[in-house]
Structure formats: C-alpha cells, structure tokens
Amino acid sequence: MSRRGGAGYKPRLLSALSPERAVTLLYLLLALAFVLFMALTIVSLRRDKQLSGELKAIHGRLLNVSQEVENVRWKMTQCKAECGKELSDRLRVLEERDVLEPVLQQLAEVKQEQSRASALLDAALEETRNLSEILCTRCPAGWQQFAKTCYFFSTTDKPWLAAKDSCGDFNAHLVVINSEQENKFLANHIMENRVFWLGLTDMDKEGDWQWIDGRSLSLSFWNSGEPNNVGHHGEDCATIYSSGRWNDATCSNAEAWICERSC
C-alpha cells in the first residue's frame, strides 16, 4: 500500500467543513428576527383597539422564529461536537504516521482550522442565546406576555398585602406600570366588571405614591377626581379598571391583582 503525501495533498475534511455557511444561515435568521422585533415595537405604539390581537399574531411569528433559531443552535452544537471529534481523529492519525515536512505543515493547518471553526461556532451559539433572551418565549403557563415581561391576572380576590405576598410566591411582584402602552395592554385584559390591584401605594406617607419597587410615581392614569382618600380608613392602595383608569381604594378590600415578572 502506498502513502499519499506531498504538498498537493489536503485532508478531505478541509473541503467538507464550511462553518461560514452555518454562520451565514444564522445571520439570515437573526436579520429576520430583528425585522419582526421592530415590527412588534411599531405595532405596540399604535393606539388601536386591535392592539392585543395584532400582538398575539406577531408573537406567534416570533415563536416560530425562536424555534428555528433553537433548531439551528442545536444543529450547530451537534456539528461542533461531531466535527471536533472527526478533526481530533484525523490529527491523531497524522501524528502517528511517519511523515515528512509537507504533511507536518498540513497537520498545523488542520489544527488552525479546528481552532477557527470552534471559535466561529462558539460566537454563533452566543448570538443565538442573546436572540432567545430578546424574543422572550418563556412565560409560565397562564401568564400573558407584553414586550419582555410576563403578567398574571388573578381569578380570586385578596387584600392588597395578601396579593403582594401571592406575587412573591411566583418570584414576581404586583405590577408596576412604566408606559401608556403597558397600561393599555393591562386594560385590554380586564373584564368590565373587574378591578385589579396595582403595585402602587401611599400607605407610608399620605399623598406620596410609591411603586412597590421603591420608585416614585411619575406617569399616572388616575380617574377624574382621584385619588381622593375617602372613608374612615382612607384609601392607600391603587387599582386599575378595564378603562385603564386608576382609583385609590382601601387596602383591606378584597380585589383581584396583577403580578409581573421578567421572562
């Protein structure tokens, strides 16, 4: 049996391995995901009654994109493991042979190719992890998603402090509203005859409304004439109606509540 050698010989694996093709496919998916994500942002700014339905449709598309990204990520992980093993096997064969200088040079090139391919795959896998975080497809069952946040709308009633503790059991907190779009999203999920606790109170100092995360109130959607702190016990906890308007209520009242947590 004759040995193959010489400067013209190259391992078959060098022509078969093309990580650039896998990276190109990944960037195409990333571009598609970015376009869809921008579409979601634009739609979220519309003040249309059909906001909730359109968000659900776009969310479904994002789920499909996320699944495709996860599939590519899995295939790339498999490729990294399998290609790495095949390269290692070829390296071991080459090292065991009694070869001349041209083959030793090829051995060095194979080692460089293995290192470069591994670095490219690691970078691509990191990009897919970042994309998965942006898409946010991991809200628990029974929770609603808006942007990168998950929301739970209770079906039972509790006083404000008990509702706060219930959110803590889910590693969440009573909802904190940061934008008009978020307030409208919450209102669209409330039936006309329901009232929900917000994570907003002035029980520490009358008139000094604070969110449950410690931030002072800057953006508000109080109903006309509210807050008015009426009644013998006062009204120190905020609620939201299906209209999106807020009201101050007695904290010991039993109401439904909304929990909030990150994806």
Protein backbone atom coordinates (compact mmCIF):
# COMPACT_ATOMS: atom_id res chain seq x y z
CA MET A 1 0.00 0.00 0.00
CA SER A 2 1.46 3.40 -0.99
CA ARG A 3 1.28 6.50 1.19
CA ARG A 4 -0.29 9.69 -0.05
CA GLY A 5 1.84 12.77 0.63
CA GLY A 6 3.29 15.83 -0.93
CA ALA A 7 2.34 19.47 -0.87
CA GLY A 8 -0.71 18.89 -3.08
CA TYR A 9 -2.49 16.61 -0.59
CA LYS A 10 -5.13 18.12 1.60
CA PRO A 11 -7.40 16.29 4.06
CA ARG A 12 -10.88 15.70 2.69
CA LEU A 13 -12.33 17.29 5.85
CA LEU A 14 -10.97 20.74 4.92
CA SER A 15 -13.20 20.88 1.84
CA ALA A 16 -16.18 19.37 3.67
CA LEU A 17 -16.09 21.66 6.73
CA SER A 18 -17.72 25.06 5.98
CA PRO A 19 -18.70 26.87 9.18
CA GLU A 20 -19.15 30.07 7.13
CA ARG A 21 -22.25 28.52 5.57
CA ALA A 22 -23.75 27.80 9.02
CA VAL A 23 -22.89 31.33 10.21
CA THR A 24 -24.47 32.82 7.06
CA LEU A 25 -27.68 30.90 7.73
CA LEU A 26 -27.67 32.10 11.34
CA TYR A 27 -27.26 35.74 10.35
CA LEU A 28 -30.17 35.43 7.91
CA LEU A 29 -32.33 34.18 10.78
CA LEU A 30 -31.04 36.97 13.03
CA ALA A 31 -31.94 39.56 10.39
CA LEU A 32 -35.44 38.10 10.07
CA ALA A 33 -35.88 38.12 13.84
CA PHE A 34 -34.70 41.74 14.03
CA VAL A 35 -37.22 42.83 11.36
CA LEU A 36 -40.04 41.04 13.17
CA PHE A 37 -38.97 42.53 16.50
CA MET A 38 -39.00 46.04 15.02
CA ALA A 39 -42.48 45.31 13.66
CA LEU A 40 -43.61 44.38 17.17
CA THR A 41 -42.21 47.65 18.55
CA ILE A 42 -44.02 49.74 15.90
CA VAL A 43 -47.31 47.90 16.40
CA SER A 44 -47.07 48.34 20.19
CA LEU A 45 -47.08 52.15 19.67
CA ARG A 46 -50.38 52.15 17.81
CA ARG A 47 -53.36 53.32 19.83
CA ASP A 48 -55.69 50.92 18.07
CA LYS A 49 -58.37 48.79 19.73
CA GLN A 50 -56.96 45.80 17.82
CA LEU A 51 -53.54 46.09 19.59
CA SER A 52 -53.94 42.90 21.61
CA GLY A 53 -54.89 40.76 18.58
CA GLU A 54 -52.04 42.07 16.44
CA LEU A 55 -49.51 41.50 19.23
CA LYS A 56 -50.68 37.90 19.55
CA ALA A 57 -50.21 37.35 15.80
CA ILE A 58 -46.71 38.83 15.81
CA HIS A 59 -45.89 36.91 18.98
CA GLY A 60 -46.83 33.69 17.16
CA ARG A 61 -44.42 34.57 14.36
CA LEU A 62 -41.68 35.31 16.88
CA LEU A 63 -42.29 31.92 18.47
CA ASN A 64 -41.72 30.31 15.06
CA VAL A 65 -38.51 32.30 14.54
CA SER A 66 -37.35 31.42 18.03
CA GLN A 67 -37.97 27.72 17.31
CA GLU A 68 -35.96 27.96 14.09
CA VAL A 69 -33.10 29.64 15.98
CA GLU A 70 -33.18 26.92 18.62
CA ASN A 71 -33.06 24.26 15.86
CA VAL A 72 -30.05 25.91 14.23
CA ARG A 73 -28.39 26.27 17.60
CA TRP A 74 -28.93 22.56 18.31
CA LYS A 75 -27.55 21.58 14.90
CA MET A 76 -24.51 23.81 15.39
CA THR A 77 -23.89 22.29 18.81
CA GLN A 78 -24.05 18.81 17.25
CA CYS A 79 -21.74 19.95 14.44
CA LYS A 80 -19.24 21.30 16.93
CA ALA A 81 -19.14 18.03 18.81
CA GLU A 82 -19.06 15.78 15.73
CA CYS A 83 -16.67 17.91 13.67
CA GLY A 84 -14.39 18.33 16.65
CA LYS A 85 -14.21 14.56 17.11
CA GLU A 86 -13.54 13.97 13.42
CA LEU A 87 -10.75 16.55 13.37
CA SER A 88 -9.23 15.05 16.50
CA ASP A 89 -9.29 11.59 14.91
CA ARG A 90 -7.51 12.89 11.81
CA LEU A 91 -4.97 14.71 13.93
CA ARG A 92 -4.23 11.53 15.83
CA VAL A 93 -3.78 9.55 12.56
CA LEU A 94 -1.45 12.17 11.14
CA GLU A 95 0.63 12.31 14.32
CA GLU A 96 1.04 8.55 14.34
CA ARG A 97 2.35 8.43 10.77
CA ASP A 98 6.00 8.70 9.83
CA VAL A 99 5.50 11.73 7.58
CA LEU A 100 7.75 14.31 6.04
CA GLU A 101 7.70 18.06 6.39
CA PRO A 102 4.78 18.74 3.93
CA VAL A 103 2.43 16.58 5.96
CA LEU A 104 3.57 18.19 9.21
CA GLN A 105 2.67 21.51 7.68
CA GLN A 106 -0.76 20.16 6.79
CA LEU A 107 -1.10 19.00 10.39
CA ALA A 108 -0.52 22.55 11.61
CA GLU A 109 -3.11 23.83 9.13
CA VAL A 110 -5.66 21.32 10.36
CA LYS A 111 -5.07 22.44 13.94
CA GLN A 112 -5.58 26.07 12.92
CA GLU A 113 -8.78 25.15 11.06
CA GLN A 114 -10.08 23.29 14.10
CA SER A 115 -9.42 26.30 16.34
CA ARG A 116 -11.03 28.74 13.89
CA ALA A 117 -14.13 26.57 13.41
CA SER A 118 -14.56 26.17 17.16
CA ALA A 119 -14.30 29.93 17.70
CA LEU A 120 -16.89 30.64 14.98
CA LEU A 121 -19.33 28.10 16.40
CA ASP A 122 -18.89 29.48 19.93
CA ALA A 123 -19.64 33.01 18.68
CA ALA A 124 -22.70 31.83 16.75
CA LEU A 125 -24.07 29.93 19.76
CA GLU A 126 -23.65 33.03 21.92
CA GLU A 127 -25.63 35.05 19.37
CA THR A 128 -28.49 32.54 19.48
CA ARG A 129 -28.55 32.74 23.28
CA ASN A 130 -28.80 36.54 23.07
CA LEU A 131 -31.57 36.29 20.48
CA SER A 132 -33.55 33.87 22.69
CA GLU A 133 -33.40 36.42 25.52
CA ILE A 134 -34.68 39.18 23.19
CA LEU A 135 -37.58 37.10 21.87
CA CYS A 136 -38.68 36.14 25.37
CA THR A 137 -40.73 32.97 24.77
CA ARG A 138 -40.61 31.50 28.25
CA CYS A 139 -43.60 32.98 30.15
CA PRO A 140 -45.12 30.36 32.50
CA ALA A 141 -48.41 28.73 31.58
CA GLY A 142 -51.35 31.01 32.39
CA TRP A 143 -49.25 34.20 32.15
CA GLN A 144 -49.64 36.87 29.45
CA GLN A 145 -46.66 38.42 27.63
CA PHE A 146 -46.04 42.06 26.75
CA ALA A 147 -42.60 43.06 25.40
CA LYS A 148 -40.10 41.19 27.63
CA THR A 149 -42.39 40.90 30.66
CA CYS A 150 -44.88 38.27 31.84
CA TYR A 151 -48.14 39.16 33.62
CA PHE A 152 -50.50 37.07 35.77
CA PHE A 153 -54.14 38.16 36.18
CA SER A 154 -55.67 36.53 39.28
CA THR A 155 -59.13 34.98 39.27
CA THR A 156 -59.61 35.35 43.03
CA ASP A 157 -59.75 38.38 45.36
CA LYS A 158 -57.43 39.30 48.24
CA PRO A 159 -56.46 42.40 50.26
CA TRP A 160 -53.51 44.35 48.86
CA LEU A 161 -50.87 42.95 51.24
CA ALA A 162 -52.03 39.36 50.67
CA ALA A 163 -51.96 39.93 46.91
CA LYS A 164 -48.42 41.26 47.25
CA ASP A 165 -47.37 38.06 49.07
CA SER A 166 -49.05 35.90 46.42
CA CYS A 167 -46.95 37.54 43.71
CA GLY A 168 -43.85 36.87 45.80
CA ASP A 169 -44.70 33.14 45.74
CA PHE A 170 -44.26 33.29 41.94
CA ASN A 171 -40.93 35.15 42.22
CA ALA A 172 -42.84 38.19 40.93
CA HIS A 173 -44.30 41.46 42.28
CA LEU A 174 -47.50 43.46 41.93
CA VAL A 175 -47.49 45.17 38.55
CA VAL A 176 -45.52 48.41 38.06
CA ILE A 177 -46.67 50.46 35.04
CA ASN A 178 -43.94 52.23 33.08
CA SER A 179 -45.68 53.39 29.88
CA GLU A 180 -49.03 54.20 28.32
CA GLN A 181 -48.68 51.14 26.08
CA GLU A 182 -48.22 48.86 29.10
CA ASN A 183 -51.24 50.45 30.82
CA LYS A 184 -53.36 49.88 27.70
CA PHE A 185 -52.18 46.26 27.46
CA LEU A 186 -53.32 45.63 31.04
CA ALA A 187 -56.68 47.33 30.48
CA ASN A 188 -57.34 45.16 27.41
CA HIS A 189 -57.09 42.05 29.62
CA ILE A 190 -59.59 43.27 32.26
CA MET A 191 -63.31 42.50 32.05
CA GLU A 192 -65.65 45.47 32.53
CA ASN A 193 -66.79 44.36 35.98
CA ARG A 194 -63.31 43.56 37.34
CA VAL A 195 -60.89 45.69 39.37
CA PHE A 196 -57.24 44.74 39.91
CA TRP A 197 -54.65 45.84 42.47
CA LEU A 198 -51.56 47.66 41.18
CA GLY A 199 -48.21 47.69 42.96
CA LEU A 200 -48.81 51.34 43.95
CA THR A 201 -49.46 52.71 47.45
CA ASP A 202 -49.14 55.80 49.67
CA MET A 203 -49.57 53.93 52.97
CA ASP A 204 -46.18 55.15 54.23
CA LYS A 205 -46.96 58.84 53.63
CA GLU A 206 -50.32 60.18 52.54
CA GLY A 207 -50.19 61.63 49.04
CA ASP A 208 -46.68 60.28 48.36
CA TRP A 209 -47.49 57.46 45.95
CA GLN A 210 -44.71 54.92 45.53
CA TRP A 211 -44.39 51.86 43.31
CA ILE A 212 -43.66 48.59 45.04
CA ASP A 213 -40.10 48.62 43.65
CA GLY A 214 -39.40 51.89 45.51
CA ARG A 215 -39.77 54.31 42.61
CA SER A 216 -41.86 57.45 42.95
CA LEU A 217 -44.93 57.88 40.75
CA SER A 218 -44.12 59.91 37.62
CA LEU A 219 -46.60 58.64 34.99
CA SER A 220 -50.22 58.23 36.14
CA PHE A 221 -53.68 57.49 34.72
CA TRP A 222 -55.94 58.45 37.65
CA ASN A 223 -59.67 58.61 37.09
CA SER A 224 -61.27 62.04 37.33
CA GLY A 225 -61.25 63.23 40.96
CA GLU A 226 -58.85 60.51 42.09
CA PRO A 227 -57.04 59.83 44.30
CA ASN A 228 -59.38 61.24 46.97
CA ASN A 229 -58.57 59.14 50.09
CA VAL A 230 -62.20 58.95 51.22
CA GLY A 231 -63.57 56.82 54.07
CA HIS A 232 -62.77 56.28 57.73
CA HIS A 233 -59.76 54.07 56.99
CA GLY A 234 -58.56 56.08 54.00
CA GLU A 235 -57.60 54.77 50.56
CA ASP A 236 -53.91 53.99 50.31
CA CYS A 237 -53.69 51.36 47.53
CA ALA A 238 -54.26 51.81 43.79
CA THR A 239 -56.44 49.77 41.46
CA ILE A 240 -56.96 49.71 37.68
CA TYR A 241 -60.23 49.37 35.77
CA SER A 242 -60.94 47.96 32.30
CA SER A 243 -60.89 51.55 31.03
CA GLY A 244 -57.24 51.82 32.04
CA ARG A 245 -58.08 54.46 34.67
CA TRP A 246 -56.81 54.18 38.24
CA ASN A 247 -58.54 54.62 41.58
CA ASP A 248 -57.35 54.68 45.18
CA ALA A 249 -59.07 52.13 47.42
CA THR A 250 -58.92 50.84 50.99
CA CYS A 251 -56.04 48.37 51.14
CA SER A 252 -58.07 45.87 53.19
CA ASN A 253 -60.62 45.49 50.40
CA ALA A 254 -60.58 42.12 48.61
CA GLU A 255 -59.77 42.66 44.93
CA ALA A 256 -58.12 40.74 42.10
CA TRP A 257 -54.49 41.53 41.39
CA ILE A 258 -51.85 41.54 38.63
CA CYS A 259 -48.37 40.05 39.13
CA GLU A 260 -45.38 40.98 36.96
CA ARG A 261 -42.06 39.24 36.31
CA SER A 262 -39.36 39.18 33.67
CA CYS A 263 -39.32 36.41 31.06
